């Protein structure tokens, strides 16, 4: 919410795009190659770098929101939903991991709906937001259950970086 930062971001979009490219360049090896995600200290360095790139990209997005109350409201709602879903995922006996295949199909559909909502109006935008929260909620429950290991499938002990990355991406 500092005007000089907004001005800098408006004049220097390259930083956003560099952060975006680095994020993709970091997440692909972390998610696709177990030996990289399990090798200390490179896994910590990559996770820290990915988090920094995501922070820069989010700060660019927040710079274009004119009302600080909107950002604060979104942050508070995200904290409340994340906390309640995490508690639910840790205490429920219901296994949600069977929904991974369905969510794999839902995400590309959600991306397409996002494109159409941008082009065609307010109702689709509201629908897009609601469906996005639903998908995020289910992903967070599943990733928490995978960390807890209470269900049929679970992360292995050495997959702590991948588990942290998945929960971080769910929340973001």
Protein backbone atom coordinates (compact mmCIF):
# COMPACT_ATOMS: atom_id res chain seq x y z
CA UNK A 1 0.00 0.00 0.00
CA UNK A 2 3.01 2.25 -0.39
CA UNK A 3 2.65 4.46 -3.45
CA UNK A 4 6.34 4.31 -4.39
CA UNK A 5 6.19 0.50 -4.40
CA UNK A 6 3.05 0.55 -6.58
CA UNK A 7 4.79 2.94 -8.95
CA UNK A 8 7.89 0.71 -9.09
CA UNK A 9 5.74 -2.37 -9.78
CA UNK A 10 3.81 -0.54 -12.49
CA UNK A 11 7.04 0.44 -14.26
CA UNK A 12 8.90 -2.87 -13.71
CA UNK A 13 6.73 -5.81 -14.70
CA UNK A 14 9.85 -7.80 -15.54
CA UNK A 15 10.32 -8.71 -11.87
CA UNK A 16 6.91 -10.40 -11.81
CA UNK A 17 7.68 -12.40 -14.95
CA UNK A 18 11.14 -13.40 -13.76
CA UNK A 19 9.60 -14.59 -10.48
CA UNK A 20 6.94 -16.49 -12.42
CA UNK A 21 9.53 -18.20 -14.61
CA UNK A 22 11.73 -19.04 -11.64
CA UNK A 23 8.73 -20.45 -9.76
CA UNK A 24 8.01 -22.82 -12.63
CA UNK A 25 11.68 -23.67 -12.99
CA UNK A 26 11.89 -24.53 -9.30
CA UNK A 27 8.61 -26.36 -8.77
CA UNK A 28 9.03 -28.77 -11.70
CA UNK A 29 12.21 -30.43 -10.37
CA UNK A 30 10.88 -30.41 -6.80
CA UNK A 31 7.60 -32.04 -7.76
CA UNK A 32 8.85 -34.40 -10.48
CA UNK A 33 12.18 -35.68 -9.19
CA UNK A 34 12.21 -37.29 -5.74
CA UNK A 35 16.00 -37.32 -5.53
CA UNK A 36 16.08 -33.50 -5.75
CA UNK A 37 13.22 -33.02 -3.28
CA UNK A 38 14.96 -35.33 -0.79
CA UNK A 39 18.54 -34.04 -1.12
CA UNK A 40 19.60 -31.70 1.69
CA UNK A 41 20.41 -28.74 1.46
CA UNK A 42 19.31 -28.26 -2.16
CA UNK A 43 15.69 -29.04 -1.25
CA UNK A 44 15.66 -26.33 1.42
CA UNK A 45 17.27 -23.82 -0.95
CA UNK A 46 14.75 -24.59 -3.70
CA UNK A 47 11.79 -24.36 -1.31
CA UNK A 48 13.05 -21.04 0.07
CA UNK A 49 13.62 -19.71 -3.45
CA UNK A 50 10.17 -20.84 -4.57
CA UNK A 51 8.58 -19.14 -1.55
CA UNK A 52 10.46 -15.91 -2.28
CA UNK A 53 9.32 -15.94 -5.93
CA UNK A 54 5.71 -16.55 -4.88
CA UNK A 55 5.96 -13.69 -2.38
CA UNK A 56 7.12 -11.31 -5.09
CA UNK A 57 4.29 -12.39 -7.41
CA UNK A 58 1.69 -12.01 -4.66
CA UNK A 59 3.00 -8.57 -3.75
CA UNK A 60 2.50 -7.53 -7.39
CA UNK A 61 -1.10 -8.73 -7.26
CA UNK A 62 -1.77 -7.03 -3.92
CA UNK A 63 -0.31 -3.76 -5.22
CA UNK A 64 -3.22 -3.50 -7.64
CA UNK A 65 -5.86 -3.87 -4.92
CA UNK A 66 -6.85 -0.37 -3.89
CA UNK A 67 -8.61 -1.28 -0.64
CA UNK A 68 -6.44 -2.67 2.17
CA UNK A 69 -9.60 -3.97 3.85
CA UNK A 70 -10.13 -6.41 0.97
CA UNK A 71 -6.66 -7.89 1.44
CA UNK A 72 -7.08 -8.08 5.21
CA UNK A 73 -10.51 -9.71 4.86
CA UNK A 74 -9.17 -12.28 2.40
CA UNK A 75 -6.24 -13.06 4.71
CA UNK A 76 -8.48 -13.50 7.76
CA UNK A 77 -10.92 -15.73 5.88
CA UNK A 78 -8.04 -17.81 4.51
CA UNK A 79 -6.59 -18.26 8.00
CA UNK A 80 -9.96 -19.27 9.44
CA UNK A 81 -10.79 -21.71 6.64
CA UNK A 82 -7.28 -23.21 6.66
CA UNK A 83 -7.32 -23.71 10.42
CA UNK A 84 -10.78 -25.26 10.47
CA UNK A 85 -10.08 -27.57 7.52
CA UNK A 86 -6.77 -28.66 9.02
CA UNK A 87 -8.45 -29.54 12.30
CA UNK A 88 -11.18 -31.38 10.42
CA UNK A 89 -8.66 -33.31 8.30
CA UNK A 90 -6.70 -34.33 11.40
CA UNK A 91 -9.76 -35.57 13.28
CA UNK A 92 -12.06 -37.10 10.67
CA UNK A 93 -12.21 -40.80 9.94
CA UNK A 94 -13.37 -40.14 6.35
CA UNK A 95 -10.67 -40.76 3.74
CA UNK A 96 -10.72 -37.97 1.14
CA UNK A 97 -7.67 -39.18 -0.79
CA UNK A 98 -9.92 -41.03 -3.24
CA UNK A 99 -10.90 -37.61 -4.66
CA UNK A 100 -7.42 -36.93 -6.10
CA UNK A 101 -8.45 -38.13 -9.57
CA UNK A 102 -11.57 -35.98 -9.57
CA UNK A 103 -9.59 -32.92 -8.49
CA UNK A 104 -7.07 -33.60 -11.26
CA UNK A 105 -9.95 -33.09 -13.71
CA UNK A 106 -11.44 -30.13 -11.82
CA UNK A 107 -8.35 -27.91 -11.90
CA UNK A 108 -8.12 -27.56 -15.73
CA UNK A 109 -11.88 -26.98 -15.83
CA UNK A 110 -11.49 -24.32 -13.16
CA UNK A 111 -8.76 -22.64 -15.20
CA UNK A 112 -11.05 -22.55 -18.24
CA UNK A 113 -13.90 -21.16 -16.14
CA UNK A 114 -11.50 -18.47 -14.89
CA UNK A 115 -10.75 -17.43 -18.45
CA UNK A 116 -14.45 -17.29 -19.32
CA UNK A 117 -15.32 -15.44 -16.11
CA UNK A 118 -12.71 -12.82 -16.94
CA UNK A 119 -14.29 -12.35 -20.35
CA UNK A 120 -18.00 -12.70 -19.59
CA UNK A 121 -18.85 -11.10 -16.32
CA UNK A 122 -19.64 -10.96 -12.66
CA UNK A 123 -21.77 -14.10 -12.21
CA UNK A 124 -19.10 -16.36 -13.72
CA UNK A 125 -16.48 -14.63 -11.58
CA UNK A 126 -18.49 -15.38 -8.43
CA UNK A 127 -19.01 -18.97 -9.53
CA UNK A 128 -15.30 -19.26 -10.28
CA UNK A 129 -14.39 -18.00 -6.80
CA UNK A 130 -16.80 -20.39 -5.08
CA UNK A 131 -15.58 -23.40 -7.05
CA UNK A 132 -11.98 -22.35 -6.44
CA UNK A 133 -12.56 -22.30 -2.69
CA UNK A 134 -14.22 -25.72 -2.89
CA UNK A 135 -11.29 -27.24 -4.81
CA UNK A 136 -8.78 -25.56 -2.46
CA UNK A 137 -10.65 -26.92 0.54
CA UNK A 138 -10.64 -30.49 -0.71
CA UNK A 139 -6.97 -30.29 -1.70
CA UNK A 140 -6.06 -28.95 1.75
CA UNK A 141 -7.96 -31.77 3.47
CA UNK A 142 -6.30 -34.38 1.25
CA UNK A 143 -2.80 -32.97 1.68
CA UNK A 144 -3.27 -32.77 5.45
CA UNK A 145 -4.46 -36.39 5.51
CA UNK A 146 -1.44 -37.41 3.42
CA UNK A 147 0.83 -35.72 5.98
CA UNK A 148 -0.98 -37.30 8.93
CA UNK A 149 -0.79 -40.74 7.30
CA UNK A 150 -4.20 -41.78 8.62
CA UNK A 151 -5.53 -42.95 5.26
CA UNK A 152 -4.68 -45.49 2.59
CA UNK A 153 -1.87 -43.41 1.09
CA UNK A 154 0.59 -41.12 2.83
CA UNK A 155 3.76 -39.14 2.31
CA UNK A 156 6.95 -40.96 3.18
CA UNK A 157 9.13 -39.56 5.96
CA UNK A 158 11.59 -38.11 3.43
CA UNK A 159 8.85 -36.23 1.54
CA UNK A 160 8.61 -33.34 4.00
CA UNK A 161 9.60 -30.73 1.38
CA UNK A 162 6.98 -31.97 -1.07
CA UNK A 163 4.36 -32.05 1.71
CA UNK A 164 5.20 -28.49 2.76
CA UNK A 165 5.14 -27.36 -0.87
CA UNK A 166 1.71 -28.90 -1.47
CA UNK A 167 0.14 -27.34 1.62
CA UNK A 168 1.74 -23.99 0.76
CA UNK A 169 0.33 -24.16 -2.79
CA UNK A 170 -3.10 -25.12 -1.45
CA UNK A 171 -3.19 -22.03 0.72
CA UNK A 172 -1.77 -19.67 -1.91
